[in-house]
Amino acid sequence: MNHYSAGILFGLTVGVLVGLLFVMFLFKKRVLDTHFDERQERARGKAFQYAFSSLAISAYAYGVSDLVLGTWCDVLAGVSLCLALSICVFAVTCILKDAYLSLREKPRTVMTLFTLLTLANLSFGGVYAASGGLVENGVLTFRAVNPIIGVATLVILIVYIVNHLLRNREEETE
């Protein structure tokens, strides 16, 4: 393993550890509360089914595209695309079925968290795009992971906000 690959591995490891520590902190502060009612649990189960199916289909499509088109992105970018799609399918399904937040979670906290995640990932993506690091020799590089995740969190945030606003309007008219 060369220094470049070791640096990438180290960066990914640190990123995952920081993310896990942040999630643990949110659970400890009771910002994330995973108590769902029965209706929400059923809706989340269906959302998991849709997400798994979309992950399987997108992973297969990525593999086929690599065979047919040749290498158009590196493996980490391709896997990230598949995961981001599946996460979006899960989140959007849960949001539309009112099963994304538990009964005790506050929508403002979730929207703030997703806004920060979106801004951070899209900012990194912008830096990589400006430096020309997203595509090298016609191949999408691992640096595309940040904008991929940024777009996924942006989609989830937009769907959540629109759904939240529409639900509030419906409640006001009743």
C-alpha atoms as a PDB file:
ATOM      1  CA  MET A   1       0.000   0.000   0.000  1.00  0.00           C
ATOM      2  CA  ASN A   2       1.462   3.345  -1.013  1.00  0.00           C
ATOM      3  CA  HIS A   3       1.261   6.572   1.009  1.00  0.00           C
ATOM      4  CA  TYR A   4      -1.610   7.925  -1.103  1.00  0.00           C
ATOM      5  CA  SER A   5      -3.814   4.868  -0.482  1.00  0.00           C
ATOM      6  CA  ALA A   6      -2.869   4.835   3.197  1.00  0.00           C
ATOM      7  CA  GLY A   7      -3.870   8.499   3.457  1.00  0.00           C
ATOM      8  CA  ILE A   8      -7.235   7.790   1.842  1.00  0.00           C
ATOM      9  CA  LEU A   9      -7.825   4.837   4.164  1.00  0.00           C
ATOM     10  CA  PHE A  10      -6.862   6.935   7.182  1.00  0.00           C
ATOM     11  CA  GLY A  11      -9.176   9.773   6.107  1.00  0.00           C
ATOM     12  CA  LEU A  12     -12.097   7.410   5.571  1.00  0.00           C
ATOM     13  CA  THR A  13     -11.496   5.728   8.926  1.00  0.00           C
ATOM     14  CA  VAL A  14     -11.351   9.061  10.764  1.00  0.00           C
ATOM     15  CA  GLY A  15     -14.502  10.233   8.983  1.00  0.00           C
ATOM     16  CA  VAL A  16     -16.429   7.110   9.938  1.00  0.00           C
ATOM     17  CA  LEU A  17     -15.244   7.324  13.559  1.00  0.00           C
ATOM     18  CA  VAL A  18     -16.187  11.004  13.835  1.00  0.00           C
ATOM     19  CA  GLY A  19     -19.608  10.198  12.360  1.00  0.00           C
ATOM     20  CA  LEU A  20     -20.156   7.352  14.835  1.00  0.00           C
ATOM     21  CA  LEU A  21     -19.080   9.532  17.763  1.00  0.00           C
ATOM     22  CA  PHE A  22     -21.471  12.263  16.591  1.00  0.00           C
ATOM     23  CA  VAL A  23     -24.377   9.818  16.370  1.00  0.00           C
ATOM     24  CA  MET A  24     -23.531   8.445  19.828  1.00  0.00           C
ATOM     25  CA  PHE A  25     -23.500  12.026  21.151  1.00  0.00           C
ATOM     26  CA  LEU A  26     -26.935  12.673  19.604  1.00  0.00           C
ATOM     27  CA  PHE A  27     -28.348   9.528  21.222  1.00  0.00           C
ATOM     28  CA  LYS A  28     -26.827  10.440  24.584  1.00  0.00           C
ATOM     29  CA  LYS A  29     -28.337  13.942  24.439  1.00  0.00           C
ATOM     30  CA  ARG A  30     -31.645  12.350  23.386  1.00  0.00           C
ATOM     31  CA  VAL A  31     -31.741  14.317  20.143  1.00  0.00           C
ATOM     32  CA  LEU A  32     -32.262  11.052  18.276  1.00  0.00           C
ATOM     33  CA  ASP A  33     -35.071   9.000  19.755  1.00  0.00           C
ATOM     34  CA  THR A  34     -35.883   5.760  17.972  1.00  0.00           C
ATOM     35  CA  HIS A  35     -39.238   4.945  19.582  1.00  0.00           C
ATOM     36  CA  PHE A  36     -41.790   4.498  16.824  1.00  0.00           C
ATOM     37  CA  ASP A  37     -45.431   3.456  17.052  1.00  0.00           C
ATOM     38  CA  GLU A  38     -46.709   0.321  15.308  1.00  0.00           C
ATOM     39  CA  ARG A  39     -47.904   2.157  12.199  1.00  0.00           C
ATOM     40  CA  GLN A  40     -44.515   3.826  11.824  1.00  0.00           C
ATOM     41  CA  GLU A  41     -42.711   0.502  12.313  1.00  0.00           C
ATOM     42  CA  ARG A  42     -44.741  -1.093   9.493  1.00  0.00           C
ATOM     43  CA  ALA A  43     -44.082   1.879   7.202  1.00  0.00           C
ATOM     44  CA  ARG A  44     -40.362   1.779   8.007  1.00  0.00           C
ATOM     45  CA  GLY A  45     -40.287  -1.951   7.266  1.00  0.00           C
ATOM     46  CA  LYS A  46     -41.800  -1.305   3.841  1.00  0.00           C
ATOM     47  CA  ALA A  47     -39.305   1.534   3.305  1.00  0.00           C
ATOM     48  CA  PHE A  48     -36.437  -0.861   4.146  1.00  0.00           C
ATOM     49  CA  GLN A  49     -37.769  -3.295   1.542  1.00  0.00           C
ATOM     50  CA  TYR A  50     -37.855  -0.563  -1.097  1.00  0.00           C
ATOM     51  CA  ALA A  51     -34.383   0.634  -0.099  1.00  0.00           C
ATOM     52  CA  PHE A  52     -32.916  -2.868  -0.241  1.00  0.00           C
ATOM     53  CA  SER A  53     -34.454  -3.475  -3.656  1.00  0.00           C
ATOM     54  CA  SER A  54     -33.137  -0.166  -4.964  1.00  0.00           C
ATOM     55  CA  LEU A  55     -29.680  -0.975  -3.573  1.00  0.00           C
ATOM     56  CA  ALA A  56     -29.643  -4.383  -5.256  1.00  0.00           C
ATOM     57  CA  ILE A  57     -30.871  -2.998  -8.581  1.00  0.00           C
ATOM     58  CA  SER A  58     -28.503  -0.013  -8.555  1.00  0.00           C
ATOM     59  CA  ALA A  59     -25.504  -2.179  -7.600  1.00  0.00           C
ATOM     60  CA  TYR A  60     -26.309  -4.539 -10.455  1.00  0.00           C
ATOM     61  CA  ALA A  61     -26.800  -1.592 -12.838  1.00  0.00           C
ATOM     62  CA  TYR A  62     -23.456  -0.146 -11.720  1.00  0.00           C
ATOM     63  CA  GLY A  63     -21.734  -3.476 -12.413  1.00  0.00           C
ATOM     64  CA  VAL A  64     -23.363  -3.810 -15.828  1.00  0.00           C
ATOM     65  CA  SER A  65     -22.498  -0.212 -16.719  1.00  0.00           C
ATOM     66  CA  ASP A  66     -18.885  -0.874 -15.801  1.00  0.00           C
ATOM     67  CA  LEU A  67     -18.834  -3.872 -18.146  1.00  0.00           C
ATOM     68  CA  VAL A  68     -20.617  -2.115 -21.010  1.00  0.00           C
ATOM     69  CA  LEU A  69     -19.121   1.386 -20.752  1.00  0.00           C
ATOM     70  CA  GLY A  70     -15.801   0.542 -19.203  1.00  0.00           C
ATOM     71  CA  THR A  71     -14.595   2.154 -16.004  1.00  0.00           C
ATOM     72  CA  TRP A  72     -16.458   5.456 -15.752  1.00  0.00           C
ATOM     73  CA  CYS A  73     -16.036   5.869 -11.982  1.00  0.00           C
ATOM     74  CA  ASP A  74     -13.886   4.334  -9.309  1.00  0.00           C
ATOM     75  CA  VAL A  75     -15.404   1.725  -7.030  1.00  0.00           C
ATOM     76  CA  LEU A  76     -15.886   3.999  -4.008  1.00  0.00           C
ATOM     77  CA  ALA A  77     -17.791   6.555  -6.089  1.00  0.00           C
ATOM     78  CA  GLY A  78     -19.940   3.832  -7.667  1.00  0.00           C
ATOM     79  CA  VAL A  79     -20.772   2.220  -4.343  1.00  0.00           C
ATOM     80  CA  SER A  80     -21.538   5.653  -2.882  1.00  0.00           C
ATOM     81  CA  LEU A  81     -23.957   6.344  -5.731  1.00  0.00           C
ATOM     82  CA  CYS A  82     -25.763   3.064  -5.039  1.00  0.00           C
ATOM     83  CA  LEU A  83     -25.898   3.696  -1.287  1.00  0.00           C
ATOM     84  CA  ALA A  84     -27.040   7.302  -1.700  1.00  0.00           C
ATOM     85  CA  LEU A  85     -29.871   6.193  -3.978  1.00  0.00           C
ATOM     86  CA  SER A  86     -30.993   3.524  -1.529  1.00  0.00           C
ATOM     87  CA  ILE A  87     -30.794   5.922   1.445  1.00  0.00           C
ATOM     88  CA  CYS A  88     -32.886   8.458  -0.483  1.00  0.00           C
ATOM     89  CA  VAL A  89     -35.484   5.794  -1.275  1.00  0.00           C
ATOM     90  CA  PHE A  90     -35.687   4.819   2.400  1.00  0.00           C
ATOM     91  CA  ALA A  91     -35.830   8.391   3.711  1.00  0.00           C
ATOM     92  CA  VAL A  92     -38.338   9.686   1.156  1.00  0.00           C
ATOM     93  CA  THR A  93     -40.621   6.685   1.690  1.00  0.00           C
ATOM     94  CA  CYS A  94     -40.490   7.195   5.462  1.00  0.00           C
ATOM     95  CA  ILE A  95     -41.102  10.936   5.145  1.00  0.00           C
ATOM     96  CA  LEU A  96     -44.118  10.463   2.876  1.00  0.00           C
ATOM     97  CA  LYS A  97     -45.589   7.850   5.235  1.00  0.00           C
ATOM     98  CA  ASP A  98     -44.897  10.001   8.332  1.00  0.00           C
ATOM     99  CA  ALA A  99     -42.497   7.428   9.720  1.00  0.00           C
ATOM    100  CA  TYR A 100     -39.203   9.315   9.475  1.00  0.00           C
ATOM    101  CA  LEU A 101     -39.197  10.857  12.935  1.00  0.00           C
ATOM    102  CA  SER A 102     -40.272   9.198  16.129  1.00  0.00           C
ATOM    103  CA  LEU A 103     -43.082  10.798  18.048  1.00  0.00           C
ATOM    104  CA  ARG A 104     -40.598  12.500  20.396  1.00  0.00           C
ATOM    105  CA  GLU A 105     -38.168  13.933  17.846  1.00  0.00           C
ATOM    106  CA  LYS A 106     -38.319  17.568  16.817  1.00  0.00           C
ATOM    107  CA  PRO A 107     -38.481  18.393  13.083  1.00  0.00           C
ATOM    108  CA  ARG A 108     -36.370  21.543  13.505  1.00  0.00           C
ATOM    109  CA  THR A 109     -33.442  19.514  14.894  1.00  0.00           C
ATOM    110  CA  VAL A 110     -33.555  17.099  11.968  1.00  0.00           C
ATOM    111  CA  MET A 111     -33.793  19.909   9.408  1.00  0.00           C
ATOM    112  CA  THR A 112     -30.850  21.704  11.015  1.00  0.00           C
ATOM    113  CA  LEU A 113     -28.753  18.532  11.014  1.00  0.00           C
ATOM    114  CA  PHE A 114     -29.526  17.791   7.364  1.00  0.00           C
ATOM    115  CA  THR A 115     -28.824  21.403   6.403  1.00  0.00           C
ATOM    116  CA  LEU A 116     -25.392  21.195   8.032  1.00  0.00           C
ATOM    117  CA  LEU A 117     -24.641  17.829   6.392  1.00  0.00           C
ATOM    118  CA  THR A 118     -25.734  19.138   3.005  1.00  0.00           C
ATOM    119  CA  LEU A 119     -23.697  22.337   3.253  1.00  0.00           C
ATOM    120  CA  ALA A 120     -20.567  20.547   4.465  1.00  0.00           C
ATOM    121  CA  ASN A 121     -20.651  17.853   1.790  1.00  0.00           C
ATOM    122  CA  LEU A 122     -21.527  20.207  -1.060  1.00  0.00           C
ATOM    123  CA  SER A 123     -18.804  22.618   0.099  1.00  0.00           C
ATOM    124  CA  PHE A 124     -16.197  19.862  -0.044  1.00  0.00           C
ATOM    125  CA  GLY A 125     -17.568  18.859  -3.424  1.00  0.00           C
ATOM    126  CA  GLY A 126     -17.244  22.442  -4.657  1.00  0.00           C
ATOM    127  CA  VAL A 127     -13.635  22.578  -3.531  1.00  0.00           C
ATOM    128  CA  TYR A 128     -12.883  19.304  -5.314  1.00  0.00           C
ATOM    129  CA  ALA A 129     -14.677  20.469  -8.465  1.00  0.00           C
ATOM    130  CA  ALA A 130     -12.770  23.771  -8.461  1.00  0.00           C
ATOM    131  CA  SER A 131      -9.445  21.967  -8.084  1.00  0.00           C
ATOM    132  CA  GLY A 132     -10.324  19.534 -10.876  1.00  0.00           C
ATOM    133  CA  GLY A 133     -10.176  16.500  -8.596  1.00  0.00           C
ATOM    134  CA  LEU A 134     -13.637  15.067  -9.251  1.00  0.00           C
ATOM    135  CA  VAL A 135     -12.763  13.600 -12.636  1.00  0.00           C
ATOM    136  CA  GLU A 136      -9.324  12.305 -13.589  1.00  0.00           C
ATOM    137  CA  ASN A 137      -8.658  10.813 -17.017  1.00  0.00           C
ATOM    138  CA  GLY A 138     -12.396  10.654 -17.682  1.00  0.00           C
ATOM    139  CA  VAL A 139     -13.098   8.649 -14.511  1.00  0.00           C
ATOM    140  CA  LEU A 140     -15.180   9.936 -11.599  1.00  0.00           C
ATOM    141  CA  THR A 141     -12.912   9.718  -8.544  1.00  0.00           C
ATOM    142  CA  PHE A 142     -13.553   8.983  -4.886  1.00  0.00           C
ATOM    143  CA  ARG A 143     -13.657  12.746  -4.312  1.00  0.00           C
ATOM    144  CA  ALA A 144     -17.171  12.631  -5.759  1.00  0.00           C
ATOM    145  CA  VAL A 145     -18.396  10.923  -2.578  1.00  0.00           C
ATOM    146  CA  ASN A 146     -18.934  14.266  -0.803  1.00  0.00           C
ATOM    147  CA  PRO A 147     -21.088  15.834  -3.527  1.00  0.00           C
ATOM    148  CA  ILE A 148     -22.985  12.545  -3.951  1.00  0.00           C
ATOM    149  CA  ILE A 149     -23.837  12.490  -0.240  1.00  0.00           C
ATOM    150  CA  GLY A 150     -24.503  16.245  -0.348  1.00  0.00           C
ATOM    151  CA  VAL A 151     -27.046  15.825  -3.136  1.00  0.00           C
ATOM    152  CA  ALA A 152     -28.670  12.887  -1.314  1.00  0.00           C
ATOM    153  CA  THR A 153     -29.040  14.857   1.923  1.00  0.00           C
ATOM    154  CA  LEU A 154     -30.318  17.844  -0.078  1.00  0.00           C
ATOM    155  CA  VAL A 155     -33.012  15.690  -1.704  1.00  0.00           C
ATOM    156  CA  ILE A 156     -34.049  14.315   1.693  1.00  0.00           C
ATOM    157  CA  LEU A 157     -34.068  17.824   3.192  1.00  0.00           C
ATOM    158  CA  ILE A 158     -36.201  19.249   0.369  1.00  0.00           C
ATOM    159  CA  VAL A 159     -38.705  16.388   0.558  1.00  0.00           C
ATOM    160  CA  TYR A 160     -38.878  16.738   4.331  1.00  0.00           C
ATOM    161  CA  ILE A 161     -39.394  20.514   4.245  1.00  0.00           C
ATOM    162  CA  VAL A 162     -42.037  20.362   1.487  1.00  0.00           C
ATOM    163  CA  ASN A 163     -43.863  17.527   3.269  1.00  0.00           C
ATOM    164  CA  HIS A 164     -43.680  19.398   6.578  1.00  0.00           C
ATOM    165  CA  LEU A 165     -45.036  22.608   5.038  1.00  0.00           C
ATOM    166  CA  LEU A 166     -47.841  20.784   3.219  1.00  0.00           C
ATOM    167  CA  ARG A 167     -48.822  18.938   6.377  1.00  0.00           C
ATOM    168  CA  ASN A 168     -48.907  22.203   8.339  1.00  0.00           C
ATOM    169  CA  ARG A 169     -51.159  23.770   5.685  1.00  0.00           C
ATOM    170  CA  GLU A 170     -53.522  20.803   5.824  1.00  0.00           C
ATOM    171  CA  GLU A 171     -53.732  21.084   9.603  1.00  0.00           C
ATOM    172  CA  GLU A 172     -54.453  24.831   9.381  1.00  0.00           C
ATOM    173  CA  THR A 173     -57.299  24.321   6.924  1.00  0.00           C
ATOM    174  CA  GLU A 174     -58.995  21.670   9.100  1.00  0.00           C
END
